[in-house]
Amino acid sequence: MKIYICPECGQFREASRRKEVICYRCENEVQMQPIKLSMEEYFNMTKEEREEYSKSCLFYTSDAADDTP
């Protein structure tokens, strides 16, 4: 079991045995990315901590996208 995050909206999703994990919140079927936290770390986070983690991931991905030529 892994936790994935949508690089566009920050939605989390749990999935296992899937090569492609699609965000159900985004209408354009965005490919979600695995997060770097373990399941235990993720489940021990509060709702607020998860929201902050999501925001930091969105900042990182949008910042990286801005740097591409």
Protein backbone atom coordinates (compact mmCIF):
# COMPACT_ATOMS: atom_id res chain seq x y z
CA MET A 1 0.00 0.00 0.00
CA LYS A 2 1.30 3.45 -0.95
CA ILE A 3 0.12 7.01 -0.59
CA TYR A 4 -0.02 9.18 -3.71
CA ILE A 5 -0.52 12.91 -4.19
CA CYS A 6 -1.92 14.82 -7.14
CA PRO A 7 0.66 17.33 -8.41
CA GLU A 8 -2.13 19.68 -9.53
CA CYS A 9 -4.62 19.80 -6.63
CA GLY A 10 -2.76 18.16 -3.71
CA GLN A 11 -5.35 15.43 -3.13
CA PHE A 12 -4.02 12.30 -1.37
CA ARG A 13 -5.03 8.78 -2.33
CA GLU A 14 -4.12 5.30 -1.09
CA ALA A 15 -3.47 2.61 -3.67
CA SER A 16 -1.79 -0.74 -4.05
CA ARG A 17 -0.85 -2.90 -7.02
CA ARG A 18 -1.47 -0.10 -9.49
CA LYS A 19 1.07 1.28 -11.90
CA GLU A 20 -1.06 4.28 -12.72
CA VAL A 21 -2.97 6.17 -10.05
CA ILE A 22 -5.36 8.81 -11.35
CA CYS A 23 -6.69 11.76 -9.34
CA TYR A 24 -10.47 11.59 -9.04
CA ARG A 25 -10.74 15.23 -8.02
CA CYS A 26 -9.12 16.63 -11.18
CA GLU A 27 -11.25 16.33 -14.28
CA ASN A 28 -8.34 15.79 -16.67
CA GLU A 29 -7.22 12.46 -15.13
CA VAL A 30 -3.92 13.65 -13.68
CA GLN A 31 -1.32 10.98 -12.93
CA MET A 32 -0.64 11.03 -9.17
CA GLN A 33 2.87 10.71 -7.72
CA PRO A 34 3.96 8.61 -4.72
CA ILE A 35 4.85 10.62 -1.62
CA LYS A 36 8.09 10.15 0.29
CA LEU A 37 6.40 9.31 3.60
CA SER A 38 5.79 5.81 4.91
CA MET A 39 2.23 4.68 5.58
CA GLU A 40 2.90 4.94 9.32
CA GLU A 41 4.21 8.51 9.03
CA TYR A 42 1.23 9.53 6.90
CA PHE A 43 -1.37 7.98 9.23
CA ASN A 44 0.27 9.55 12.30
CA MET A 45 -0.08 13.04 10.80
CA THR A 46 -2.93 15.33 11.82
CA LYS A 47 -5.26 16.78 9.21
CA GLU A 48 -3.41 20.09 9.48
CA GLU A 49 -0.02 18.40 8.99
CA ARG A 50 -1.33 16.62 5.89
CA GLU A 51 -2.61 19.91 4.49
CA GLU A 52 0.78 21.57 5.08
CA TYR A 53 2.56 18.61 3.46
CA SER A 54 0.23 18.86 0.47
CA LYS A 55 0.87 22.61 0.14
CA SER A 56 4.63 22.08 0.30
CA CYS A 57 4.42 19.41 -2.42
CA LEU A 58 2.33 21.72 -4.61
CA PHE A 59 4.84 24.54 -4.09
CA TYR A 60 7.73 22.24 -4.98
CA THR A 61 6.10 20.91 -8.16
CA SER A 62 4.93 24.35 -9.33
CA ASP A 63 8.37 25.82 -8.59
CA ALA A 64 10.07 23.03 -10.56
CA ALA A 65 7.68 23.55 -13.45
CA ASP A 66 8.52 27.26 -13.50
CA ASP A 67 12.23 26.47 -13.87
CA THR A 68 11.86 24.41 -17.05
CA PRO A 69 12.80 26.26 -20.25
